[in-house]
């Protein structure tokens, strides 16, 4: 009645099952081949060759798509020619999308054919292909990534507008741009998609432009969850850094939740509240500095430093040189932060 789960296929069995007439068997075989292709100690070359055959020859799009993904996961650089062919010629948008994903991970920045294919895919009719091409371009052609991402801020697909904003934000954060595209980012504050409006507000705020601050406060205070965890963390941290007192209801809901149970991101919310002068949040950080658990104490040290909680400084200083009390590097960094 309770049968044992089947053992993973041997390499030979997985290669053999690629010829099975049932698509679900071939799909399962590809997944087993992905495991063999990623095992450097087990001669992955045969598995990679079999995955390439599945990508090029299988009659089922789901099998070809899974093969493209497996080649990417296996870092199979030798499969780039097969992936190029799939990205250019496969009739399935899903297969082309995953082939572009693989090329974005495996390709070299100086490969003109991959660069041209990715640039062309940015205008493909299939939004999933445009989406993946934009991500690949960010890695393969950094010089083109900013202007192309700015063009895609007005794409008809909301997910593409969102990822374009994230790419623009990352580029502007990581490098000095003489003339940041403030006007283009401000235009996205009126986007129909809430996640795009919020991403624009985050990017603008991090550039020192506060025209999107009301969006940050609204996103924190409304009951609807923020769609992306990275955005949630960024908004919570910005609320603390900017002293956004109007965002306290949303921060308190995250910090304490129902019956004192914090939501995901509650730690960052408590830090933000502490920066706003919230006594409960500050007291919690001080209490955690005296915890019996070393990891809890170390996290509290980081929180105290980020919150600039001066009354915690002597408690942290008392842990200096005591590796059992807390991570020494964390203690040193926290004390240095209080001196700045």
C-alpha atoms as a PDB file:
ATOM      1  CA  UNK A   1       0.000   0.000   0.000  1.00  0.00           C
ATOM      2  CA  UNK A   2       2.857   2.371   0.819  1.00  0.00           C
ATOM      3  CA  UNK A   3       5.219   1.764  -2.097  1.00  0.00           C
ATOM      4  CA  UNK A   4       8.803   2.968  -1.957  1.00  0.00           C
ATOM      5  CA  UNK A   5       9.743   5.922  -4.139  1.00  0.00           C
ATOM      6  CA  UNK A   6      11.568   4.804  -7.304  1.00  0.00           C
ATOM      7  CA  UNK A   7      15.323   5.116  -7.268  1.00  0.00           C
ATOM      8  CA  UNK A   8      16.887   7.739  -9.558  1.00  0.00           C
ATOM      9  CA  UNK A   9      17.804   6.369 -12.951  1.00  0.00           C
ATOM     10  CA  UNK A  10      21.319   5.362 -13.838  1.00  0.00           C
ATOM     11  CA  UNK A  11      22.889   7.454 -16.591  1.00  0.00           C
ATOM     12  CA  UNK A  12      22.363   4.684 -19.146  1.00  0.00           C
ATOM     13  CA  UNK A  13      18.734   4.270 -18.136  1.00  0.00           C
ATOM     14  CA  UNK A  14      18.090   8.002 -18.390  1.00  0.00           C
ATOM     15  CA  UNK A  15      19.632   8.132 -21.870  1.00  0.00           C
ATOM     16  CA  UNK A  16      17.569   5.108 -22.926  1.00  0.00           C
ATOM     17  CA  UNK A  17      14.341   6.627 -21.629  1.00  0.00           C
ATOM     18  CA  UNK A  18      14.824   9.717 -23.790  1.00  0.00           C
ATOM     19  CA  UNK A  19      13.501   7.510 -26.592  1.00  0.00           C
ATOM     20  CA  UNK A  20      10.365   6.437 -24.734  1.00  0.00           C
ATOM     21  CA  UNK A  21       7.125   7.154 -26.565  1.00  0.00           C
ATOM     22  CA  UNK A  22       5.548   8.775 -23.482  1.00  0.00           C
ATOM     23  CA  UNK A  23       6.405  12.479 -23.034  1.00  0.00           C
ATOM     24  CA  UNK A  24       6.142  12.223 -19.240  1.00  0.00           C
ATOM     25  CA  UNK A  25       8.786   9.474 -19.197  1.00  0.00           C
ATOM     26  CA  UNK A  26      11.123  11.538 -21.386  1.00  0.00           C
ATOM     27  CA  UNK A  27      10.551  14.574 -19.164  1.00  0.00           C
ATOM     28  CA  UNK A  28      11.442  12.538 -16.095  1.00  0.00           C
ATOM     29  CA  UNK A  29      14.536  11.212 -17.866  1.00  0.00           C
ATOM     30  CA  UNK A  30      15.686  14.772 -18.626  1.00  0.00           C
ATOM     31  CA  UNK A  31      15.400  15.638 -14.936  1.00  0.00           C
ATOM     32  CA  UNK A  32      17.560  12.653 -14.033  1.00  0.00           C
ATOM     33  CA  UNK A  33      20.059  13.631 -16.734  1.00  0.00           C
ATOM     34  CA  UNK A  34      20.226  17.091 -15.164  1.00  0.00           C
ATOM     35  CA  UNK A  35      21.447  15.435 -11.978  1.00  0.00           C
ATOM     36  CA  UNK A  36      24.101  13.476 -13.886  1.00  0.00           C
ATOM     37  CA  UNK A  37      25.162  16.552 -15.883  1.00  0.00           C
ATOM     38  CA  UNK A  38      25.764  18.479 -12.688  1.00  0.00           C
ATOM     39  CA  UNK A  39      27.919  15.771 -11.107  1.00  0.00           C
ATOM     40  CA  UNK A  40      31.500  16.492 -12.122  1.00  0.00           C
ATOM     41  CA  UNK A  41      32.674  13.205 -10.592  1.00  0.00           C
ATOM     42  CA  UNK A  42      30.405  11.094 -12.824  1.00  0.00           C
ATOM     43  CA  UNK A  43      31.536  11.971 -16.381  1.00  0.00           C
ATOM     44  CA  UNK A  44      28.872  14.607 -17.088  1.00  0.00           C
ATOM     45  CA  UNK A  45      29.783  14.858 -20.775  1.00  0.00           C
ATOM     46  CA  UNK A  46      27.490  11.980 -21.793  1.00  0.00           C
ATOM     47  CA  UNK A  47      24.591  13.505 -19.875  1.00  0.00           C
ATOM     48  CA  UNK A  48      25.147  16.910 -21.455  1.00  0.00           C
ATOM     49  CA  UNK A  49      25.259  15.375 -24.932  1.00  0.00           C
ATOM     50  CA  UNK A  50      21.977  13.580 -24.241  1.00  0.00           C
ATOM     51  CA  UNK A  51      20.370  16.803 -22.996  1.00  0.00           C
ATOM     52  CA  UNK A  52      21.466  18.575 -26.175  1.00  0.00           C
ATOM     53  CA  UNK A  53      19.808  15.875 -28.264  1.00  0.00           C
ATOM     54  CA  UNK A  54      16.612  16.268 -26.276  1.00  0.00           C
ATOM     55  CA  UNK A  55      16.742  20.042 -26.755  1.00  0.00           C
ATOM     56  CA  UNK A  56      17.171  19.773 -30.515  1.00  0.00           C
ATOM     57  CA  UNK A  57      15.256  16.620 -31.422  1.00  0.00           C
ATOM     58  CA  UNK A  58      12.406  15.939 -28.964  1.00  0.00           C
ATOM     59  CA  UNK A  59       8.925  16.493 -30.341  1.00  0.00           C
ATOM     60  CA  UNK A  60       7.464  17.738 -27.038  1.00  0.00           C
ATOM     61  CA  UNK A  61       8.036  21.401 -26.124  1.00  0.00           C
ATOM     62  CA  UNK A  62       7.970  20.676 -22.377  1.00  0.00           C
ATOM     63  CA  UNK A  63      10.821  18.199 -22.772  1.00  0.00           C
ATOM     64  CA  UNK A  64      12.890  20.609 -24.872  1.00  0.00           C
ATOM     65  CA  UNK A  65      12.266  23.409 -22.356  1.00  0.00           C
ATOM     66  CA  UNK A  66      13.349  21.207 -19.457  1.00  0.00           C
ATOM     67  CA  UNK A  67      16.497  20.244 -21.367  1.00  0.00           C
ATOM     68  CA  UNK A  68      17.392  23.920 -21.898  1.00  0.00           C
ATOM     69  CA  UNK A  69      16.953  24.611 -18.206  1.00  0.00           C
ATOM     70  CA  UNK A  70      19.026  21.548 -17.267  1.00  0.00           C
ATOM     71  CA  UNK A  71      21.882  22.697 -19.527  1.00  0.00           C
ATOM     72  CA  UNK A  72      21.852  26.093 -17.825  1.00  0.00           C
ATOM     73  CA  UNK A  73      21.886  24.511 -14.360  1.00  0.00           C
ATOM     74  CA  UNK A  74      24.775  22.255 -15.398  1.00  0.00           C
ATOM     75  CA  UNK A  75      26.804  25.268 -16.640  1.00  0.00           C
ATOM     76  CA  UNK A  76      27.198  23.385 -19.923  1.00  0.00           C
ATOM     77  CA  UNK A  77      29.142  25.950 -21.964  1.00  0.00           C
ATOM     78  CA  UNK A  78      29.708  23.339 -24.675  1.00  0.00           C
ATOM     79  CA  UNK A  79      25.970  23.409 -25.385  1.00  0.00           C
ATOM     80  CA  UNK A  80      25.912  27.077 -26.427  1.00  0.00           C
ATOM     81  CA  UNK A  81      25.607  26.285 -30.187  1.00  0.00           C
ATOM     82  CA  UNK A  82      22.586  24.028 -29.554  1.00  0.00           C
ATOM     83  CA  UNK A  83      21.031  26.638 -27.286  1.00  0.00           C
ATOM     84  CA  UNK A  84      21.564  29.313 -29.928  1.00  0.00           C
ATOM     85  CA  UNK A  85      19.760  27.168 -32.472  1.00  0.00           C
ATOM     86  CA  UNK A  86      16.878  26.608 -30.065  1.00  0.00           C
ATOM     87  CA  UNK A  87      16.656  30.313 -29.207  1.00  0.00           C
ATOM     88  CA  UNK A  88      16.544  31.238 -32.886  1.00  0.00           C
ATOM     89  CA  UNK A  89      14.429  28.466 -34.379  1.00  0.00           C
ATOM     90  CA  UNK A  90      12.306  26.610 -31.844  1.00  0.00           C
ATOM     91  CA  UNK A  91       8.564  27.097 -32.499  1.00  0.00           C
ATOM     92  CA  UNK A  92       7.776  27.214 -28.769  1.00  0.00           C
ATOM     93  CA  UNK A  93       8.106  30.574 -27.009  1.00  0.00           C
ATOM     94  CA  UNK A  94       8.735  28.718 -23.736  1.00  0.00           C
ATOM     95  CA  UNK A  95      11.678  26.811 -25.217  1.00  0.00           C
ATOM     96  CA  UNK A  96      13.108  29.979 -26.758  1.00  0.00           C
ATOM     97  CA  UNK A  97      12.719  31.754 -23.429  1.00  0.00           C
ATOM     98  CA  UNK A  98      14.643  29.102 -21.496  1.00  0.00           C
ATOM     99  CA  UNK A  99      17.280  28.878 -24.211  1.00  0.00           C
ATOM    100  CA  UNK A 100      17.829  32.625 -23.852  1.00  0.00           C
ATOM    101  CA  UNK A 101      17.965  32.179 -20.078  1.00  0.00           C
ATOM    102  CA  UNK A 102      20.679  29.546 -20.521  1.00  0.00           C
ATOM    103  CA  UNK A 103      22.611  31.713 -22.980  1.00  0.00           C
ATOM    104  CA  UNK A 104      22.442  34.606 -20.542  1.00  0.00           C
ATOM    105  CA  UNK A 105      24.108  32.413 -17.915  1.00  0.00           C
ATOM    106  CA  UNK A 106      26.577  30.587 -20.162  1.00  0.00           C
ATOM    107  CA  UNK A 107      27.457  33.122 -22.852  1.00  0.00           C
ATOM    108  CA  UNK A 108      30.490  35.383 -22.971  1.00  0.00           C
ATOM    109  CA  UNK A 109      30.203  39.152 -23.178  1.00  0.00           C
ATOM    110  CA  UNK A 110      32.201  39.273 -26.423  1.00  0.00           C
ATOM    111  CA  UNK A 111      30.037  36.728 -28.260  1.00  0.00           C
ATOM    112  CA  UNK A 112      28.511  38.806 -31.054  1.00  0.00           C
ATOM    113  CA  UNK A 113      25.991  36.182 -32.130  1.00  0.00           C
ATOM    114  CA  UNK A 114      24.531  35.816 -28.641  1.00  0.00           C
ATOM    115  CA  UNK A 115      24.507  39.587 -28.210  1.00  0.00           C
ATOM    116  CA  UNK A 116      22.643  40.074 -31.483  1.00  0.00           C
ATOM    117  CA  UNK A 117      20.134  37.342 -30.635  1.00  0.00           C
ATOM    118  CA  UNK A 118      19.412  38.805 -27.213  1.00  0.00           C
ATOM    119  CA  UNK A 119      19.020  42.318 -28.634  1.00  0.00           C
ATOM    120  CA  UNK A 120      16.571  41.019 -31.251  1.00  0.00           C
ATOM    121  CA  UNK A 121      14.617  39.080 -28.632  1.00  0.00           C
ATOM    122  CA  UNK A 122      13.983  42.320 -26.733  1.00  0.00           C
ATOM    123  CA  UNK A 123      11.350  43.128 -29.379  1.00  0.00           C
ATOM    124  CA  UNK A 124       9.860  39.643 -29.674  1.00  0.00           C
ATOM    125  CA  UNK A 125       6.074  39.393 -29.655  1.00  0.00           C
ATOM    126  CA  UNK A 126       6.220  36.976 -26.704  1.00  0.00           C
ATOM    127  CA  UNK A 127       6.532  38.931 -23.429  1.00  0.00           C
ATOM    128  CA  UNK A 128       8.254  36.028 -21.659  1.00  0.00           C
ATOM    129  CA  UNK A 129      11.029  36.154 -24.246  1.00  0.00           C
ATOM    130  CA  UNK A 130      11.418  39.932 -23.945  1.00  0.00           C
ATOM    131  CA  UNK A 131      11.607  39.495 -20.172  1.00  0.00           C
ATOM    132  CA  UNK A 132      14.354  36.890 -20.348  1.00  0.00           C
ATOM    133  CA  UNK A 133      16.274  38.781 -23.023  1.00  0.00           C
ATOM    134  CA  UNK A 134      16.404  41.886 -20.834  1.00  0.00           C
ATOM    135  CA  UNK A 135      17.893  39.897 -17.962  1.00  0.00           C
ATOM    136  CA  UNK A 136      20.423  38.245 -20.293  1.00  0.00           C
ATOM    137  CA  UNK A 137      21.397  41.604 -21.775  1.00  0.00           C
ATOM    138  CA  UNK A 138      22.174  42.943 -18.309  1.00  0.00           C
ATOM    139  CA  UNK A 139      24.857  40.287 -17.926  1.00  0.00           C
ATOM    140  CA  UNK A 140      26.133  39.980 -21.485  1.00  0.00           C
ATOM    141  CA  UNK A 141      26.153  43.618 -22.633  1.00  0.00           C
ATOM    142  CA  UNK A 142      26.405  45.922 -19.604  1.00  0.00           C
ATOM    143  CA  UNK A 143      26.989  48.996 -21.776  1.00  0.00           C
ATOM    144  CA  UNK A 144      23.619  48.479 -23.488  1.00  0.00           C
ATOM    145  CA  UNK A 145      21.703  47.416 -20.411  1.00  0.00           C
ATOM    146  CA  UNK A 146      20.805  50.896 -19.117  1.00  0.00           C
ATOM    147  CA  UNK A 147      19.488  52.418 -22.373  1.00  0.00           C
ATOM    148  CA  UNK A 148      17.620  49.229 -23.298  1.00  0.00           C
ATOM    149  CA  UNK A 149      16.114  48.911 -19.822  1.00  0.00           C
ATOM    150  CA  UNK A 150      14.986  52.535 -19.969  1.00  0.00           C
ATOM    151  CA  UNK A 151      13.222  51.793 -23.264  1.00  0.00           C
ATOM    152  CA  UNK A 152      11.448  48.851 -21.644  1.00  0.00           C
ATOM    153  CA  UNK A 153      10.016  51.025 -18.866  1.00  0.00           C
ATOM    154  CA  UNK A 154       7.081  51.611 -21.215  1.00  0.00           C
ATOM    155  CA  UNK A 155       6.682  47.988 -22.348  1.00  0.00           C
ATOM    156  CA  UNK A 156       3.103  46.727 -22.545  1.00  0.00           C
ATOM    157  CA  UNK A 157       3.879  43.917 -20.078  1.00  0.00           C
ATOM    158  CA  UNK A 158       3.931  44.907 -16.401  1.00  0.00           C
ATOM    159  CA  UNK A 159       6.520  42.261 -15.448  1.00  0.00           C
ATOM    160  CA  UNK A 160       8.913  43.599 -18.056  1.00  0.00           C
ATOM    161  CA  UNK A 161       8.418  47.164 -16.826  1.00  0.00           C
ATOM    162  CA  UNK A 162       9.126  45.934 -13.315  1.00  0.00           C
ATOM    163  CA  UNK A 163      12.311  44.025 -14.143  1.00  0.00           C
ATOM    164  CA  UNK A 164      13.472  46.944 -16.299  1.00  0.00           C
ATOM    165  CA  UNK A 165      13.116  49.209 -13.272  1.00  0.00           C
ATOM    166  CA  UNK A 166      15.046  46.767 -11.092  1.00  0.00           C
ATOM    167  CA  UNK A 167      17.862  46.665 -13.650  1.00  0.00           C
ATOM    168  CA  UNK A 168      17.940  50.464 -13.904  1.00  0.00           C
ATOM    169  CA  UNK A 169      18.007  50.732 -10.113  1.00  0.00           C
ATOM    170  CA  UNK A 170      20.849  48.211  -9.831  1.00  0.00           C
ATOM    171  CA  UNK A 171      22.939  49.953 -12.488  1.00  0.00           C
ATOM    172  CA  UNK A 172      22.417  53.375 -10.921  1.00  0.00           C
ATOM    173  CA  UNK A 173      23.269  51.996  -7.471  1.00  0.00           C
ATOM    174  CA  UNK A 174      26.432  50.219  -8.602  1.00  0.00           C
ATOM    175  CA  UNK A 175      27.892  52.909 -10.861  1.00  0.00           C
ATOM    176  CA  UNK A 176      28.046  56.676 -11.103  1.00  0.00           C
ATOM    177  CA  UNK A 177      25.798  57.956 -13.897  1.00  0.00           C
ATOM    178  CA  UNK A 178      26.357  61.579 -14.862  1.00  0.00           C
ATOM    179  CA  UNK A 179      22.690  62.284 -15.577  1.00  0.00           C
ATOM    180  CA  UNK A 180      20.376  59.822 -13.773  1.00  0.00           C
ATOM    181  CA  UNK A 181      17.077  59.312 -15.653  1.00  0.00           C
ATOM    182  CA  UNK A 182      14.932  61.052 -13.050  1.00  0.00           C
ATOM    183  CA  UNK A 183      12.165  62.049 -15.463  1.00  0.00           C
ATOM    184  CA  UNK A 184      11.780  58.508 -16.789  1.00  0.00           C
ATOM    185  CA  UNK A 185      11.585  57.118 -13.254  1.00  0.00           C
ATOM    186  CA  UNK A 186       9.078  59.756 -12.140  1.00  0.00           C
ATOM    187  CA  UNK A 187       6.836  58.819 -15.056  1.00  0.00           C
ATOM    188  CA  UNK A 188       6.588  55.273 -13.628  1.00  0.00           C
ATOM    189  CA  UNK A 189       5.127  56.636 -10.390  1.00  0.00           C
ATOM    190  CA  UNK A 190       1.874  56.816 -12.363  1.00  0.00           C
ATOM    191  CA  UNK A 191       2.133  53.255 -13.697  1.00  0.00           C
ATOM    192  CA  UNK A 192      -0.978  51.101 -13.615  1.00  0.00           C
ATOM    193  CA  UNK A 193       0.900  48.273 -11.818  1.00  0.00           C
ATOM    194  CA  UNK A 194       1.516  48.842  -8.082  1.00  0.00           C
ATOM    195  CA  UNK A 195       4.772  46.875  -8.082  1.00  0.00           C
ATOM    196  CA  UNK A 196       6.113  49.127 -10.861  1.00  0.00           C
ATOM    197  CA  UNK A 197       5.091  52.296  -9.017  1.00  0.00           C
ATOM    198  CA  UNK A 198       6.815  51.046  -5.895  1.00  0.00           C
ATOM    199  CA  UNK A 199       9.999  50.033  -7.714  1.00  0.00           C
ATOM    200  CA  UNK A 200      10.134  53.511  -9.252  1.00  0.00           C
ATOM    201  CA  UNK A 201       9.667  55.118  -5.836  1.00  0.00           C
ATOM    202  CA  UNK A 202      12.480  53.019  -4.373  1.00  0.00           C
ATOM    203  CA  UNK A 203      14.850  53.861  -7.218  1.00  0.00           C
ATOM    204  CA  UNK A 204      14.086  57.588  -7.007  1.00  0.00           C
ATOM    205  CA  UNK A 205      14.449  57.691  -3.227  1.00  0.00           C
ATOM    206  CA  UNK A 206      17.804  55.942  -3.381  1.00  0.00           C
ATOM    207  CA  UNK A 207      18.905  58.603  -5.882  1.00  0.00           C
ATOM    208  CA  UNK A 208      17.961  61.320  -3.400  1.00  0.00           C
ATOM    209  CA  UNK A 209      14.743  62.296  -5.182  1.00  0.00           C
ATOM    210  CA  UNK A 210      11.802  62.227  -2.741  1.00  0.00           C
ATOM    211  CA  UNK A 211       8.968  62.504  -5.245  1.00  0.00           C
ATOM    212  CA  UNK A 212       8.029  58.883  -4.567  1.00  0.00           C
ATOM    213  CA  UNK A 213       8.096  58.964  -0.771  1.00  0.00           C
ATOM    214  CA  UNK A 214       4.299  58.961  -0.528  1.00  0.00           C
ATOM    215  CA  UNK A 215       4.326  55.698  -2.493  1.00  0.00           C
ATOM    216  CA  UNK A 216       6.688  54.167   0.060  1.00  0.00           C
ATOM    217  CA  UNK A 217       4.440  55.151   2.958  1.00  0.00           C
ATOM    218  CA  UNK A 218       1.304  53.941   1.193  1.00  0.00           C
ATOM    219  CA  UNK A 219       2.892  50.579   0.351  1.00  0.00           C
ATOM    220  CA  UNK A 220       3.890  50.006   3.971  1.00  0.00           C
ATOM    221  CA  UNK A 221       0.589  51.080   5.474  1.00  0.00           C
ATOM    222  CA  UNK A 222      -1.889  49.366   3.182  1.00  0.00           C
ATOM    223  CA  UNK A 223      -3.067  45.847   4.040  1.00  0.00           C
ATOM    224  CA  UNK A 224      -2.185  44.402   0.652  1.00  0.00           C
ATOM    225  CA  UNK A 225       1.209  42.670   0.884  1.00  0.00           C
ATOM    226  CA  UNK A 226       4.127  44.023  -1.103  1.00  0.00           C
ATOM    227  CA  UNK A 227       4.605  41.706  -4.067  1.00  0.00           C
ATOM    228  CA  UNK A 228       8.384  41.237  -3.896  1.00  0.00           C
ATOM    229  CA  UNK A 229      10.406  40.518  -0.752  1.00  0.00           C
ATOM    230  CA  UNK A 230      13.380  42.617  -1.915  1.00  0.00           C
ATOM    231  CA  UNK A 231      11.102  45.620  -2.366  1.00  0.00           C
ATOM    232  CA  UNK A 232       9.575  45.075   1.067  1.00  0.00           C
ATOM    233  CA  UNK A 233      12.986  45.087   2.707  1.00  0.00           C
ATOM    234  CA  UNK A 234      14.093  48.157   0.762  1.00  0.00           C
ATOM    235  CA  UNK A 235      10.960  50.123   1.703  1.00  0.00           C
ATOM    236  CA  UNK A 236      11.228  49.197   5.385  1.00  0.00           C
ATOM    237  CA  UNK A 237      14.881  50.242   5.509  1.00  0.00           C
ATOM    238  CA  UNK A 238      14.195  53.510   3.673  1.00  0.00           C
ATOM    239  CA  UNK A 239      11.394  54.322   6.117  1.00  0.00           C
ATOM    240  CA  UNK A 240      13.881  54.103   8.967  1.00  0.00           C
ATOM    241  CA  UNK A 241      16.643  55.975   7.171  1.00  0.00           C
ATOM    242  CA  UNK A 242      14.352  58.825   6.114  1.00  0.00           C
ATOM    243  CA  UNK A 243      12.454  59.005   9.404  1.00  0.00           C
ATOM    244  CA  UNK A 244       9.078  58.384   7.770  1.00  0.00           C
ATOM    245  CA  UNK A 245       6.887  58.710  10.850  1.00  0.00           C
ATOM    246  CA  UNK A 246       3.755  58.354   8.715  1.00  0.00           C
ATOM    247  CA  UNK A 247       4.804  54.764   7.959  1.00  0.00           C
ATOM    248  CA  UNK A 248       4.693  53.674  11.606  1.00  0.00           C
ATOM    249  CA  UNK A 249       1.414  51.735  11.329  1.00  0.00           C
ATOM    250  CA  UNK A 250       2.845  49.516   8.608  1.00  0.00           C
ATOM    251  CA  UNK A 251       6.163  49.115  10.398  1.00  0.00           C
ATOM    252  CA  UNK A 252       4.437  48.190  13.661  1.00  0.00           C
ATOM    253  CA  UNK A 253       2.297  45.602  11.907  1.00  0.00           C
ATOM    254  CA  UNK A 254       5.447  44.011  10.493  1.00  0.00           C
ATOM    255  CA  UNK A 255       7.458  44.308  13.685  1.00  0.00           C
ATOM    256  CA  UNK A 256       4.901  42.840  16.089  1.00  0.00           C
ATOM    257  CA  UNK A 257       2.141  41.246  14.015  1.00  0.00           C
ATOM    258  CA  UNK A 258      -0.772  39.559  15.751  1.00  0.00           C
ATOM    259  CA  UNK A 259      -0.256  38.671  19.409  1.00  0.00           C
ATOM    260  CA  UNK A 260       3.376  39.769  19.265  1.00  0.00           C
ATOM    261  CA  UNK A 261       4.300  37.435  16.398  1.00  0.00           C
ATOM    262  CA  UNK A 262       6.309  39.362  13.848  1.00  0.00           C
ATOM    263  CA  UNK A 263       5.714  38.960  10.140  1.00  0.00           C
ATOM    264  CA  UNK A 264       8.570  38.108   7.743  1.00  0.00           C
ATOM    265  CA  UNK A 265      10.806  41.163   7.707  1.00  0.00           C
ATOM    266  CA  UNK A 266       9.916  41.911  11.316  1.00  0.00           C
ATOM    267  CA  UNK A 267      13.556  42.324  12.299  1.00  0.00           C
ATOM    268  CA  UNK A 268      14.092  45.087   9.719  1.00  0.00           C
ATOM    269  CA  UNK A 269      10.837  46.724  10.796  1.00  0.00           C
ATOM    270  CA  UNK A 270      11.977  46.804  14.432  1.00  0.00           C
ATOM    271  CA  UNK A 271      15.247  48.415  13.355  1.00  0.00           C
ATOM    272  CA  UNK A 272      13.328  51.037  11.384  1.00  0.00           C
ATOM    273  CA  UNK A 273      11.031  51.730  14.341  1.00  0.00           C
ATOM    274  CA  UNK A 274      14.017  52.023  16.652  1.00  0.00           C
ATOM    275  CA  UNK A 275      15.493  54.621  14.301  1.00  0.00           C
ATOM    276  CA  UNK A 276      12.190  56.490  14.569  1.00  0.00           C
ATOM    277  CA  UNK A 277      12.591  56.539  18.363  1.00  0.00           C
ATOM    278  CA  UNK A 278      10.064  53.802  19.129  1.00  0.00           C
ATOM    279  CA  UNK A 279      10.658  52.772  22.753  1.00  0.00           C
ATOM    280  CA  UNK A 280       9.266  49.266  22.366  1.00  0.00           C
ATOM    281  CA  UNK A 281      11.547  48.498  19.426  1.00  0.00           C
ATOM    282  CA  UNK A 282      14.568  49.958  21.174  1.00  0.00           C
ATOM    283  CA  UNK A 283      13.836  47.992  24.331  1.00  0.00           C
ATOM    284  CA  UNK A 284      13.544  44.775  22.319  1.00  0.00           C
ATOM    285  CA  UNK A 285      16.998  45.330  20.788  1.00  0.00           C
ATOM    286  CA  UNK A 286      18.520  46.018  24.203  1.00  0.00           C
ATOM    287  CA  UNK A 287      16.816  42.934  25.615  1.00  0.00           C
ATOM    288  CA  UNK A 288      18.179  40.774  22.794  1.00  0.00           C
ATOM    289  CA  UNK A 289      21.693  42.009  23.556  1.00  0.00           C
ATOM    290  CA  UNK A 290      21.365  40.114  26.820  1.00  0.00           C
ATOM    291  CA  UNK A 291      19.966  36.945  25.275  1.00  0.00           C
ATOM    292  CA  UNK A 292      21.428  33.567  26.180  1.00  0.00           C
ATOM    293  CA  UNK A 293      21.676  32.767  22.475  1.00  0.00           C
ATOM    294  CA  UNK A 294      24.839  33.993  20.704  1.00  0.00           C
ATOM    295  CA  UNK A 295      23.146  34.381  17.323  1.00  0.00           C
ATOM    296  CA  UNK A 296      20.381  36.477  18.862  1.00  0.00           C
ATOM    297  CA  UNK A 297      22.970  38.705  20.550  1.00  0.00           C
ATOM    298  CA  UNK A 298      24.893  39.101  17.296  1.00  0.00           C
ATOM    299  CA  UNK A 299      21.738  40.048  15.378  1.00  0.00           C
ATOM    300  CA  UNK A 300      20.882  42.563  18.103  1.00  0.00           C
ATOM    301  CA  UNK A 301      24.337  44.123  17.723  1.00  0.00           C
ATOM    302  CA  UNK A 302      23.693  44.664  14.028  1.00  0.00           C
ATOM    303  CA  UNK A 303      20.242  46.088  14.789  1.00  0.00           C
ATOM    304  CA  UNK A 304      21.590  48.462  17.423  1.00  0.00           C
ATOM    305  CA  UNK A 305      24.260  49.768  15.064  1.00  0.00           C
ATOM    306  CA  UNK A 306      21.808  50.295  12.217  1.00  0.00           C
ATOM    307  CA  UNK A 307      19.364  52.023  14.551  1.00  0.00           C
ATOM    308  CA  UNK A 308      22.146  54.212  15.997  1.00  0.00           C
ATOM    309  CA  UNK A 309      20.950  53.142  19.427  1.00  0.00           C
ATOM    310  CA  UNK A 310      23.473  54.925  21.635  1.00  0.00           C
ATOM    311  CA  UNK A 311      22.394  53.301  24.881  1.00  0.00           C
ATOM    312  CA  UNK A 312      23.385  49.950  23.403  1.00  0.00           C
ATOM    313  CA  UNK A 313      26.970  51.021  22.735  1.00  0.00           C
ATOM    314  CA  UNK A 314      28.401  50.193  26.191  1.00  0.00           C
ATOM    315  CA  UNK A 315      26.652  46.808  26.149  1.00  0.00           C
ATOM    316  CA  UNK A 316      28.259  46.027  22.797  1.00  0.00           C
ATOM    317  CA  UNK A 317      31.631  47.359  23.919  1.00  0.00           C
ATOM    318  CA  UNK A 318      31.540  44.940  26.850  1.00  0.00           C
ATOM    319  CA  UNK A 319      31.505  42.056  24.349  1.00  0.00           C
ATOM    320  CA  UNK A 320      34.680  43.205  22.599  1.00  0.00           C
ATOM    321  CA  UNK A 321      37.260  40.438  22.503  1.00  0.00           C
ATOM    322  CA  UNK A 322      34.845  37.793  23.775  1.00  0.00           C
ATOM    323  CA  UNK A 323      34.180  35.381  20.921  1.00  0.00           C
ATOM    324  CA  UNK A 324      31.714  33.429  23.029  1.00  0.00           C
ATOM    325  CA  UNK A 325      29.616  36.546  23.539  1.00  0.00           C
ATOM    326  CA  UNK A 326      29.231  37.510  19.881  1.00  0.00           C
ATOM    327  CA  UNK A 327      30.973  37.486  16.525  1.00  0.00           C
ATOM    328  CA  UNK A 328      34.077  39.692  17.029  1.00  0.00           C
ATOM    329  CA  UNK A 329      33.933  41.197  13.542  1.00  0.00           C
ATOM    330  CA  UNK A 330      30.295  42.178  14.030  1.00  0.00           C
ATOM    331  CA  UNK A 331      31.160  43.810  17.353  1.00  0.00           C
ATOM    332  CA  UNK A 332      34.018  45.769  15.775  1.00  0.00           C
ATOM    333  CA  UNK A 333      31.891  46.944  12.849  1.00  0.00           C
ATOM    334  CA  UNK A 334      29.080  48.032  15.165  1.00  0.00           C
ATOM    335  CA  UNK A 335      31.380  50.030  17.415  1.00  0.00           C
ATOM    336  CA  UNK A 336      32.972  51.674  14.369  1.00  0.00           C
ATOM    337  CA  UNK A 337      29.489  52.632  13.132  1.00  0.00           C
ATOM    338  CA  UNK A 338      28.749  54.389  16.421  1.00  0.00           C
ATOM    339  CA  UNK A 339      31.917  56.452  15.991  1.00  0.00           C
ATOM    340  CA  UNK A 340      30.978  57.693  12.520  1.00  0.00           C
END
